[in-house]
Amino acid sequence: EGNVVTIAGQSFELGSPRDEVLVGDWDCDGTATALLLESSTGGLFHFGTWSMGSEELAGEQIGTFEGATGLRSGSPCQYPEVELADGSAITPLEPSRAAQDGNG
């Protein structure tokens, strides 16, 4: 709900309340990870691991998308699209590239 994600009974807060968070197995490696779209900057961040206890983690910035308004989940094993203010959408990172880069 909002920027709070609950996985296996544990809650994680990502970003600020206005940011959008999606969780999924984007690269089909069997592990669900989080993507965060910062509403204030259009910055898209991937969190490849989950925090243990009160540890704070920084996400890896995938890019900044001017006019970003939200995230739209696609098919399984596919990164969500970034929705833009003009009604268009782009896929910022393909799973095959993430696996090749070691970022997935």
PDB file of N, CA and C in Angstrom:
ATOM      1  N   GLU A   1       0.850  -1.186   0.000  1.00  0.00           N
ATOM      2  CA  GLU A   1       0.000   0.000   0.000  1.00  0.00           C
ATOM      3  C   GLU A   1       0.887   1.239   0.000  1.00  0.00           C
ATOM      4  N   GLY A   2       0.691   2.125  -0.954  1.00  0.00           N
ATOM      5  CA  GLY A   2       1.526   3.320  -1.039  1.00  0.00           C
ATOM      6  C   GLY A   2       2.978   2.937  -1.211  1.00  0.00           C
ATOM      7  N   ASN A   3       3.838   3.467  -0.333  1.00  0.00           N
ATOM      8  CA  ASN A   3       5.259   3.150  -0.428  1.00  0.00           C
ATOM      9  C   ASN A   3       5.677   2.112   0.616  1.00  0.00           C
ATOM     10  N   VAL A   4       4.695   1.407   1.211  1.00  0.00           N
ATOM     11  CA  VAL A   4       4.985   0.331   2.166  1.00  0.00           C
ATOM     12  C   VAL A   4       4.645  -0.997   1.504  1.00  0.00           C
ATOM     13  N   VAL A   5       5.642  -1.890   1.484  1.00  0.00           N
ATOM     14  CA  VAL A   5       5.504  -3.210   0.873  1.00  0.00           C
ATOM     15  C   VAL A   5       5.585  -4.247   1.981  1.00  0.00           C
ATOM     16  N   THR A   6       4.670  -5.217   1.975  1.00  0.00           N
ATOM     17  CA  THR A   6       4.713  -6.303   2.954  1.00  0.00           C
ATOM     18  C   THR A   6       5.001  -7.599   2.216  1.00  0.00           C
ATOM     19  N   ILE A   7       6.111  -8.229   2.597  1.00  0.00           N
ATOM     20  CA  ILE A   7       6.555  -9.493   2.008  1.00  0.00           C
ATOM     21  C   ILE A   7       6.797 -10.474   3.150  1.00  0.00           C
ATOM     22  N   ALA A   8       6.174 -11.629   3.075  1.00  0.00           N
ATOM     23  CA  ALA A   8       6.352 -12.684   4.082  1.00  0.00           C
ATOM     24  C   ALA A   8       6.214 -12.147   5.501  1.00  0.00           C
ATOM     25  N   GLY A   9       5.213 -11.302   5.714  1.00  0.00           N
ATOM     26  CA  GLY A   9       4.942 -10.791   7.052  1.00  0.00           C
ATOM     27  C   GLY A   9       5.817  -9.636   7.495  1.00  0.00           C
ATOM     28  N   GLN A  10       6.782  -9.222   6.689  1.00  0.00           N
ATOM     29  CA  GLN A  10       7.647  -8.088   7.030  1.00  0.00           C
ATOM     30  C   GLN A  10       7.269  -6.905   6.162  1.00  0.00           C
ATOM     31  N   SER A  11       7.229  -5.717   6.779  1.00  0.00           N
ATOM     32  CA  SER A  11       6.912  -4.506   6.030  1.00  0.00           C
ATOM     33  C   SER A  11       8.167  -3.696   5.772  1.00  0.00           C
ATOM     34  N   PHE A  12       8.240  -3.142   4.575  1.00  0.00           N
ATOM     35  CA  PHE A  12       9.377  -2.324   4.151  1.00  0.00           C
ATOM     36  C   PHE A  12       8.843  -1.010   3.617  1.00  0.00           C
ATOM     37  N   GLU A  13       9.440   0.102   4.032  1.00  0.00           N
ATOM     38  CA  GLU A  13       9.070   1.410   3.526  1.00  0.00           C
ATOM     39  C   GLU A  13      10.105   1.843   2.511  1.00  0.00           C
ATOM     40  N   LEU A  14       9.645   2.189   1.331  1.00  0.00           N
ATOM     41  CA  LEU A  14      10.538   2.620   0.265  1.00  0.00           C
ATOM     42  C   LEU A  14      10.145   4.031  -0.163  1.00  0.00           C
ATOM     43  N   GLY A  15      11.106   4.931  -0.211  1.00  0.00           N
ATOM     44  CA  GLY A  15      10.847   6.284  -0.674  1.00  0.00           C
ATOM     45  C   GLY A  15       9.900   7.052   0.220  1.00  0.00           C
ATOM     46  N   SER A  16       9.133   7.943  -0.397  1.00  0.00           N
ATOM     47  CA  SER A  16       8.175   8.761   0.346  1.00  0.00           C
ATOM     48  C   SER A  16       6.753   8.331  -0.019  1.00  0.00           C
ATOM     49  N   PRO A  17       5.759   8.781   0.750  1.00  0.00           N
ATOM     50  CA  PRO A  17       4.378   8.338   0.496  1.00  0.00           C
ATOM     51  C   PRO A  17       3.853   8.630  -0.911  1.00  0.00           C
ATOM     52  N   ARG A  18       4.373   9.613  -1.599  1.00  0.00           N
ATOM     53  CA  ARG A  18       3.896   9.942  -2.952  1.00  0.00           C
ATOM     54  C   ARG A  18       4.571   9.096  -4.034  1.00  0.00           C
ATOM     55  N   ASP A  19       5.633   8.375  -3.696  1.00  0.00           N
ATOM     56  CA  ASP A  19       6.341   7.549  -4.668  1.00  0.00           C
ATOM     57  C   ASP A  19       5.531   6.290  -4.970  1.00  0.00           C
ATOM     58  N   GLU A  20       5.810   5.693  -6.114  1.00  0.00           N
ATOM     59  CA  GLU A  20       5.127   4.458  -6.503  1.00  0.00           C
ATOM     60  C   GLU A  20       6.100   3.291  -6.434  1.00  0.00           C
ATOM     61  N   VAL A  21       5.642   2.184  -5.848  1.00  0.00           N
ATOM     62  CA  VAL A  21       6.469   0.990  -5.689  1.00  0.00           C
ATOM     63  C   VAL A  21       5.738  -0.204  -6.287  1.00  0.00           C
ATOM     64  N   LEU A  22       6.471  -1.013  -7.048  1.00  0.00           N
ATOM     65  CA  LEU A  22       5.955  -2.283  -7.545  1.00  0.00           C
ATOM     66  C   LEU A  22       6.939  -3.380  -7.175  1.00  0.00           C
ATOM     67  N   VAL A  23       6.404  -4.564  -6.879  1.00  0.00           N
ATOM     68  CA  VAL A  23       7.232  -5.719  -6.544  1.00  0.00           C
ATOM     69  C   VAL A  23       6.939  -6.822  -7.547  1.00  0.00           C
ATOM     70  N   GLY A  24       7.981  -7.460  -8.046  1.00  0.00           N
ATOM     71  CA  GLY A  24       7.800  -8.561  -8.974  1.00  0.00           C
ATOM     72  C   GLY A  24       9.114  -9.262  -9.251  1.00  0.00           C
ATOM     73  N   ASP A  25       9.010 -10.393  -9.904  1.00  0.00           N
ATOM     74  CA  ASP A  25      10.193 -11.149 -10.337  1.00  0.00           C
ATOM     75  C   ASP A  25      10.483 -10.736 -11.771  1.00  0.00           C
ATOM     76  N   TRP A  26      11.051  -9.556 -11.923  1.00  0.00           N
ATOM     77  CA  TRP A  26      11.220  -8.916 -13.223  1.00  0.00           C
ATOM     78  C   TRP A  26      12.096  -9.717 -14.182  1.00  0.00           C
ATOM     79  N   ASP A  27      13.099 -10.427 -13.676  1.00  0.00           N
ATOM     80  CA  ASP A  27      14.024 -11.141 -14.553  1.00  0.00           C
ATOM     81  C   ASP A  27      13.865 -12.661 -14.487  1.00  0.00           C
ATOM     82  N   CYS A  28      12.791 -13.118 -13.856  1.00  0.00           N
ATOM     83  CA  CYS A  28      12.465 -14.553 -13.771  1.00  0.00           C
ATOM     84  C   CYS A  28      13.569 -15.392 -13.147  1.00  0.00           C
ATOM     85  N   ASP A  29      14.226 -14.851 -12.113  1.00  0.00           N
ATOM     86  CA  ASP A  29      15.250 -15.630 -11.427  1.00  0.00           C
ATOM     87  C   ASP A  29      14.707 -16.285 -10.159  1.00  0.00           C
ATOM     88  N   GLY A  30      13.388 -16.148  -9.918  1.00  0.00           N
ATOM     89  CA  GLY A  30      12.773 -16.760  -8.750  1.00  0.00           C
ATOM     90  C   GLY A  30      12.737 -15.861  -7.530  1.00  0.00           C
ATOM     91  N   THR A  31      13.235 -14.636  -7.633  1.00  0.00           N
ATOM     92  CA  THR A  31      13.269 -13.713  -6.499  1.00  0.00           C
ATOM     93  C   THR A  31      12.534 -12.422  -6.845  1.00  0.00           C
ATOM     94  N   ALA A  32      11.570 -12.065  -6.012  1.00  0.00           N
ATOM     95  CA  ALA A  32      10.849 -10.808  -6.205  1.00  0.00           C
ATOM     96  C   ALA A  32      11.678  -9.657  -5.654  1.00  0.00           C
ATOM     97  N   THR A  33      11.752  -8.583  -6.421  1.00  0.00           N
ATOM     98  CA  THR A  33      12.468  -7.381  -6.009  1.00  0.00           C
ATOM     99  C   THR A  33      11.566  -6.174  -6.248  1.00  0.00           C
ATOM    100  N   ALA A  34      11.984  -5.015  -5.756  1.00  0.00           N
ATOM    101  CA  ALA A  34      11.152  -3.811  -5.821  1.00  0.00           C
ATOM    102  C   ALA A  34      11.706  -2.787  -6.796  1.00  0.00           C
ATOM    103  N   LEU A  35      10.787  -2.092  -7.455  1.00  0.00           N
ATOM    104  CA  LEU A  35      11.097  -0.923  -8.268  1.00  0.00           C
ATOM    105  C   LEU A  35      10.381   0.264  -7.644  1.00  0.00           C
ATOM    106  N   LEU A  36      11.062   1.396  -7.574  1.00  0.00           N
ATOM    107  CA  LEU A  36      10.505   2.606  -6.986  1.00  0.00           C
ATOM    108  C   LEU A  36      10.610   3.736  -7.997  1.00  0.00           C
ATOM    109  N   LEU A  37       9.492   4.413  -8.243  1.00  0.00           N
ATOM    110  CA  LEU A  37       9.474   5.596  -9.090  1.00  0.00           C
ATOM    111  C   LEU A  37       9.266   6.800  -8.189  1.00  0.00           C
ATOM    112  N   GLU A  38      10.283   7.665  -8.116  1.00  0.00           N
ATOM    113  CA  GLU A  38      10.187   8.879  -7.299  1.00  0.00           C
ATOM    114  C   GLU A  38       9.285   9.883  -8.002  1.00  0.00           C
ATOM    115  N   SER A  39       8.217  10.272  -7.328  1.00  0.00           N
ATOM    116  CA  SER A  39       7.267  11.200  -7.936  1.00  0.00           C
ATOM    117  C   SER A  39       7.870  12.579  -8.152  1.00  0.00           C
ATOM    118  N   SER A  40       8.797  12.991  -7.299  1.00  0.00           N
ATOM    119  CA  SER A  40       9.353  14.345  -7.383  1.00  0.00           C
ATOM    120  C   SER A  40      10.402  14.505  -8.478  1.00  0.00           C
ATOM    121  N   THR A  41      11.088  13.420  -8.853  1.00  0.00           N
ATOM    122  CA  THR A  41      12.199  13.538  -9.800  1.00  0.00           C
ATOM    123  C   THR A  41      12.036  12.709 -11.064  1.00  0.00           C
ATOM    124  N   GLY A  42      11.136  11.723 -11.048  1.00  0.00           N
ATOM    125  CA  GLY A  42      11.038  10.790 -12.168  1.00  0.00           C
ATOM    126  C   GLY A  42      12.135   9.744 -12.136  1.00  0.00           C
ATOM    127  N   GLY A  43      12.887   9.687 -11.020  1.00  0.00           N
ATOM    128  CA  GLY A  43      13.947   8.696 -10.878  1.00  0.00           C
ATOM    129  C   GLY A  43      13.373   7.304 -10.649  1.00  0.00           C
ATOM    130  N   LEU A  44      13.907   6.314 -11.352  1.00  0.00           N
ATOM    131  CA  LEU A  44      13.483   4.929 -11.204  1.00  0.00           C
ATOM    132  C   LEU A  44      14.621   4.144 -10.577  1.00  0.00           C
ATOM    133  N   PHE A  45      14.328   3.444  -9.467  1.00  0.00           N
ATOM    134  CA  PHE A  45      15.330   2.717  -8.705  1.00  0.00           C
ATOM    135  C   PHE A  45      14.929   1.251  -8.561  1.00  0.00           C
ATOM    136  N   HIS A  46      15.911   0.370  -8.667  1.00  0.00           N
ATOM    137  CA  HIS A  46      15.714  -1.067  -8.475  1.00  0.00           C
ATOM    138  C   HIS A  46      16.367  -1.472  -7.161  1.00  0.00           C
ATOM    139  N   PHE A  47      15.606  -2.163  -6.321  1.00  0.00           N
ATOM    140  CA  PHE A  47      16.120  -2.699  -5.062  1.00  0.00           C
ATOM    141  C   PHE A  47      16.265  -4.200  -5.245  1.00  0.00           C
ATOM    142  N   GLY A  48      17.498  -4.669  -5.420  1.00  0.00           N
ATOM    143  CA  GLY A  48      17.766  -6.069  -5.728  1.00  0.00           C
ATOM    144  C   GLY A  48      17.799  -6.983  -4.523  1.00  0.00           C
ATOM    145  N   THR A  49      17.790  -6.419  -3.319  1.00  0.00           N
ATOM    146  CA  THR A  49      17.759  -7.215  -2.088  1.00  0.00           C
ATOM    147  C   THR A  49      16.790  -6.559  -1.114  1.00  0.00           C
ATOM    148  N   TRP A  50      16.481  -7.276  -0.055  1.00  0.00           N
ATOM    149  CA  TRP A  50      15.590  -6.764   0.978  1.00  0.00           C
ATOM    150  C   TRP A  50      16.394  -6.461   2.236  1.00  0.00           C
ATOM    151  N   SER A  51      16.010  -5.443   2.944  1.00  0.00           N
ATOM    152  CA  SER A  51      16.686  -5.012   4.159  1.00  0.00           C
ATOM    153  C   SER A  51      16.508  -6.041   5.274  1.00  0.00           C
ATOM    154  N   MET A  52      17.519  -6.171   6.099  1.00  0.00           N
ATOM    155  CA  MET A  52      17.450  -7.028   7.282  1.00  0.00           C
ATOM    156  C   MET A  52      17.348  -6.125   8.507  1.00  0.00           C
ATOM    157  N   GLY A  53      16.274  -6.268   9.266  1.00  0.00           N
ATOM    158  CA  GLY A  53      16.104  -5.431  10.452  1.00  0.00           C
ATOM    159  C   GLY A  53      15.891  -3.981  10.078  1.00  0.00           C
ATOM    160  N   SER A  54      16.626  -3.084  10.733  1.00  0.00           N
ATOM    161  CA  SER A  54      16.463  -1.652  10.485  1.00  0.00           C
ATOM    162  C   SER A  54      17.484  -1.117   9.480  1.00  0.00           C
ATOM    163  N   GLU A  55      18.219  -2.013   8.832  1.00  0.00           N
ATOM    164  CA  GLU A  55      19.217  -1.628   7.831  1.00  0.00           C
ATOM    165  C   GLU A  55      18.560  -0.861   6.690  1.00  0.00           C
ATOM    166  N   GLU A  56      19.175   0.252   6.280  1.00  0.00           N
ATOM    167  CA  GLU A  56      18.682   1.014   5.144  1.00  0.00           C
ATOM    168  C   GLU A  56      19.484   0.631   3.900  1.00  0.00           C
ATOM    169  N   LEU A  57      18.775   0.438   2.808  1.00  0.00           N
ATOM    170  CA  LEU A  57      19.419   0.083   1.545  1.00  0.00           C
ATOM    171  C   LEU A  57      19.140   1.164   0.510  1.00  0.00           C
ATOM    172  N   ALA A  58      20.100   1.388  -0.344  1.00  0.00           N
ATOM    173  CA  ALA A  58      19.912   2.304  -1.465  1.00  0.00           C
ATOM    174  C   ALA A  58      19.636   1.479  -2.709  1.00  0.00           C
ATOM    175  N   GLY A  59      18.681   1.917  -3.496  1.00  0.00           N
ATOM    176  CA  GLY A  59      18.395   1.238  -4.748  1.00  0.00           C
ATOM    177  C   GLY A  59      19.357   1.688  -5.833  1.00  0.00           C
ATOM    178  N   GLU A  60      19.479   0.867  -6.855  1.00  0.00           N
ATOM    179  CA  GLU A  60      20.304   1.210  -8.011  1.00  0.00           C
ATOM    180  C   GLU A  60      19.454   2.036  -8.971  1.00  0.00           C
ATOM    181  N   GLN A  61      19.921   3.225  -9.310  1.00  0.00           N
ATOM    182  CA  GLN A  61      19.149   4.072 -10.200  1.00  0.00           C
ATOM    183  C   GLN A  61      19.240   3.547 -11.628  1.00  0.00           C
ATOM    184  N   ILE A  62      18.075   3.280 -12.204  1.00  0.00           N
ATOM    185  CA  ILE A  62      17.992   2.791 -13.576  1.00  0.00           C
ATOM    186  C   ILE A  62      17.987   3.964 -14.541  1.00  0.00           C
ATOM    187  N   GLY A  63      17.369   5.056 -14.136  1.00  0.00           N
ATOM    188  CA  GLY A  63      17.306   6.230 -14.993  1.00  0.00           C
ATOM    189  C   GLY A  63      16.374   7.267 -14.411  1.00  0.00           C
ATOM    190  N   THR A  64      16.289   8.404 -15.095  1.00  0.00           N
ATOM    191  CA  THR A  64      15.368   9.465 -14.733  1.00  0.00           C
ATOM    192  C   THR A  64      14.505   9.739 -15.955  1.00  0.00           C
ATOM    193  N   PHE A  65      13.197   9.789 -15.738  1.00  0.00           N
ATOM    194  CA  PHE A  65      12.245   9.897 -16.831  1.00  0.00           C
ATOM    195  C   PHE A  65      11.393  11.143 -16.640  1.00  0.00           C
ATOM    196  N   GLU A  66      11.701  12.181 -17.421  1.00  0.00           N
ATOM    197  CA  GLU A  66      10.971  13.439 -17.335  1.00  0.00           C
ATOM    198  C   GLU A  66       9.508  13.206 -17.707  1.00  0.00           C
ATOM    199  N   GLY A  67       8.615  13.716 -16.886  1.00  0.00           N
ATOM    200  CA  GLY A  67       7.188  13.556 -17.142  1.00  0.00           C
ATOM    201  C   GLY A  67       6.631  12.232 -16.675  1.00  0.00           C
ATOM    202  N   ALA A  68       7.392  11.456 -15.899  1.00  0.00           N
ATOM    203  CA  ALA A  68       6.904  10.167 -15.407  1.00  0.00           C
ATOM    204  C   ALA A  68       5.749  10.382 -14.435  1.00  0.00           C
ATOM    205  N   THR A  69       4.680   9.609 -14.634  1.00  0.00           N
ATOM    206  CA  THR A  69       3.506   9.730 -13.770  1.00  0.00           C
ATOM    207  C   THR A  69       3.192   8.443 -13.012  1.00  0.00           C
ATOM    208  N   GLY A  70       3.774   7.317 -13.418  1.00  0.00           N
ATOM    209  CA  GLY A  70       3.482   6.070 -12.735  1.00  0.00           C
ATOM    210  C   GLY A  70       4.163   4.888 -13.380  1.00  0.00           C
ATOM    211  N   LEU A  71       3.896   3.715 -12.811  1.00  0.00           N
ATOM    212  CA  LEU A  71       4.419   2.453 -13.326  1.00  0.00           C
ATOM    213  C   LEU A  71       3.248   1.572 -13.726  1.00  0.00           C
ATOM    214  N   ARG A  72       3.415   0.845 -14.807  1.00  0.00           N
ATOM    215  CA  ARG A  72       2.377  -0.064 -15.281  1.00  0.00           C
ATOM    216  C   ARG A  72       2.995  -1.441 -15.409  1.00  0.00           C
ATOM    217  N   SER A  73       2.464  -2.377 -14.625  1.00  0.00           N
ATOM    218  CA  SER A  73       3.003  -3.731 -14.621  1.00  0.00           C
ATOM    219  C   SER A  73       2.634  -4.444 -15.904  1.00  0.00           C
ATOM    220  N   GLY A  74       3.606  -5.163 -16.441  1.00  0.00           N
ATOM    221  CA  GLY A  74       3.400  -5.900 -17.688  1.00  0.00           C
ATOM    222  C   GLY A  74       3.230  -7.379 -17.430  1.00  0.00           C
ATOM    223  N   SER A  75       3.723  -8.146 -18.332  1.00  0.00           N
ATOM    224  CA  SER A  75       3.663  -9.597 -18.237  1.00  0.00           C
ATOM    225  C   SER A  75       4.679 -10.102 -17.221  1.00  0.00           C
ATOM    226  N   PRO A  76       4.489 -11.343 -16.743  1.00  0.00           N
ATOM    227  CA  PRO A  76       5.517 -11.924 -15.876  1.00  0.00           C
ATOM    228  C   PRO A  76       6.872 -11.909 -16.587  1.00  0.00           C
ATOM    229  N   CYS A  77       7.914 -11.738 -15.846  1.00  0.00           N
ATOM    230  CA  CYS A  77       9.283 -11.721 -16.372  1.00  0.00           C
ATOM    231  C   CYS A  77       9.538 -10.535 -17.297  1.00  0.00           C
ATOM    232  N   GLN A  78       8.827  -9.465 -17.092  1.00  0.00           N
ATOM    233  CA  GLN A  78       9.018  -8.264 -17.900  1.00  0.00           C
ATOM    234  C   GLN A  78       8.986  -7.061 -16.964  1.00  0.00           C
ATOM    235  N   TYR A  79       9.946  -6.162 -17.129  1.00  0.00           N
ATOM    236  CA  TYR A  79       9.961  -4.961 -16.308  1.00  0.00           C
ATOM    237  C   TYR A  79       8.740  -4.106 -16.625  1.00  0.00           C
ATOM    238  N   PRO A  80       8.191  -3.424 -15.618  1.00  0.00           N
ATOM    239  CA  PRO A  80       7.050  -2.544 -15.855  1.00  0.00           C
ATOM    240  C   PRO A  80       7.422  -1.387 -16.769  1.00  0.00           C
ATOM    241  N   GLU A  81       6.413  -0.806 -17.350  1.00  0.00           N
ATOM    242  CA  GLU A  81       6.603   0.385 -18.158  1.00  0.00           C
ATOM    243  C   GLU A  81       6.494   1.616 -17.272  1.00  0.00           C
ATOM    244  N   VAL A  82       7.210   2.670 -17.638  1.00  0.00           N
ATOM    245  CA  VAL A  82       7.074   3.964 -16.991  1.00  0.00           C
ATOM    246  C   VAL A  82       6.071   4.754 -17.802  1.00  0.00           C
ATOM    247  N   GLU A  83       4.967   5.148 -17.141  1.00  0.00           N
ATOM    248  CA  GLU A  83       3.947   5.947 -17.811  1.00  0.00           C
ATOM    249  C   GLU A  83       4.375   7.405 -17.793  1.00  0.00           C
ATOM    250  N   LEU A  84       4.178   8.076 -18.924  1.00  0.00           N
ATOM    251  CA  LEU A  84       4.560   9.475 -19.055  1.00  0.00           C
ATOM    252  C   LEU A  84       3.316  10.363 -19.150  1.00  0.00           C
ATOM    253  N   ALA A  85       3.476  11.638 -18.817  1.00  0.00           N
ATOM    254  CA  ALA A  85       2.366  12.581 -18.775  1.00  0.00           C
ATOM    255  C   ALA A  85       1.659  12.717 -20.118  1.00  0.00           C
ATOM    256  N   ASP A  86       2.351  12.479 -21.224  1.00  0.00           N
ATOM    257  CA  ASP A  86       1.726  12.624 -22.550  1.00  0.00           C
ATOM    258  C   ASP A  86       0.918  11.391 -22.953  1.00  0.00           C
ATOM    259  N   GLY A  87       0.811  10.403 -22.042  1.00  0.00           N
ATOM    260  CA  GLY A  87       0.039   9.193 -22.308  1.00  0.00           C
ATOM    261  C   GLY A  87       0.850   8.038 -22.860  1.00  0.00           C
ATOM    262  N   SER A  88       2.087   8.284 -23.224  1.00  0.00           N
ATOM    263  CA  SER A  88       2.943   7.211 -23.731  1.00  0.00           C
ATOM    264  C   SER A  88       3.586   6.465 -22.557  1.00  0.00           C
ATOM    265  N   ALA A  89       4.263   5.390 -22.870  1.00  0.00           N
ATOM    266  CA  ALA A  89       4.959   4.603 -21.851  1.00  0.00           C
ATOM    267  C   ALA A  89       6.212   4.004 -22.473  1.00  0.00           C
ATOM    268  N   ILE A  90       7.236   3.815 -21.636  1.00  0.00           N
ATOM    269  CA  ILE A  90       8.478   3.196 -22.098  1.00  0.00           C
ATOM    270  C   ILE A  90       8.893   2.100 -21.127  1.00  0.00           C
ATOM    271  N   THR A  91       9.583   1.092 -21.643  1.00  0.00           N
ATOM    272  CA  THR A  91      10.151   0.038 -20.794  1.00  0.00           C
ATOM    273  C   THR A  91      11.611   0.400 -20.578  1.00  0.00           C
ATOM    274  N   PRO A  92      11.991   0.720 -19.326  1.00  0.00           N
ATOM    275  CA  PRO A  92      13.332   1.234 -19.073  1.00  0.00           C
ATOM    276  C   PRO A  92      14.455   0.212 -19.150  1.00  0.00           C
ATOM    277  N   LEU A  93      14.180  -1.054 -18.888  1.00  0.00           N
ATOM    278  CA  LEU A  93      15.233  -2.052 -18.872  1.00  0.00           C
ATOM    279  C   LEU A  93      14.630  -3.408 -19.165  1.00  0.00           C
ATOM    280  N   GLU A  94      15.112  -4.064 -20.169  1.00  0.00           N
ATOM    281  CA  GLU A  94      14.611  -5.382 -20.534  1.00  0.00           C
ATOM    282  C   GLU A  94      15.262  -6.460 -19.669  1.00  0.00           C
ATOM    283  N   PRO A  95      14.527  -7.513 -19.279  1.00  0.00           N
ATOM    284  CA  PRO A  95      15.103  -8.574 -18.444  1.00  0.00           C
ATOM    285  C   PRO A  95      16.359  -9.204 -19.023  1.00  0.00           C
ATOM    286  N   SER A  96      16.428  -9.396 -20.340  1.00  0.00           N
ATOM    287  CA  SER A  96      17.614 -10.034 -20.912  1.00  0.00           C
ATOM    288  C   SER A  96      18.846  -9.169 -20.693  1.00  0.00           C
ATOM    289  N   ARG A  97      18.687  -7.842 -20.768  1.00  0.00           N
ATOM    290  CA  ARG A  97      19.818  -6.944 -20.528  1.00  0.00           C
ATOM    291  C   ARG A  97      20.202  -6.967 -19.053  1.00  0.00           C
ATOM    292  N   ALA A  98      19.208  -7.014 -18.162  1.00  0.00           N
ATOM    293  CA  ALA A  98      19.501  -7.051 -16.732  1.00  0.00           C
ATOM    294  C   ALA A  98      20.308  -8.295 -16.380  1.00  0.00           C
ATOM    295  N   ALA A  99      19.931  -9.430 -16.963  1.00  0.00           N
ATOM    296  CA  ALA A  99      20.659 -10.664 -16.675  1.00  0.00           C
ATOM    297  C   ALA A  99      22.081 -10.581 -17.209  1.00  0.00           C
ATOM    298  N   GLN A 100      22.267 -10.000 -18.401  1.00  0.00           N
ATOM    299  CA  GLN A 100      23.598  -9.885 -18.983  1.00  0.00           C
ATOM    300  C   GLN A 100      24.471  -8.937 -18.177  1.00  0.00           C
ATOM    301  N   ASP A 101      23.868  -7.842 -17.670  1.00  0.00           N
ATOM    302  CA  ASP A 101      24.605  -6.851 -16.902  1.00  0.00           C
ATOM    303  C   ASP A 101      24.839  -7.289 -15.465  1.00  0.00           C
ATOM    304  N   GLY A 102      24.151  -8.356 -15.028  1.00  0.00           N
ATOM    305  CA  GLY A 102      24.277  -8.788 -13.641  1.00  0.00           C
ATOM    306  C   GLY A 102      23.483  -7.914 -12.691  1.00  0.00           C
ATOM    307  N   ASN A 103      22.507  -7.157 -13.215  1.00  0.00           N
ATOM    308  CA  ASN A 103      21.707  -6.269 -12.377  1.00  0.00           C
ATOM    309  C   ASN A 103      20.330  -6.827 -12.077  1.00  0.00           C
ATOM    310  N   GLY A 104      20.037  -8.042 -12.454  1.00  0.00           N
ATOM    311  CA  GLY A 104      18.678  -8.531 -12.301  1.00  0.00           C
ATOM    312  C   GLY A 104      18.502  -9.429 -11.170  1.00  0.00           C
TER     313      GLY A 104
END
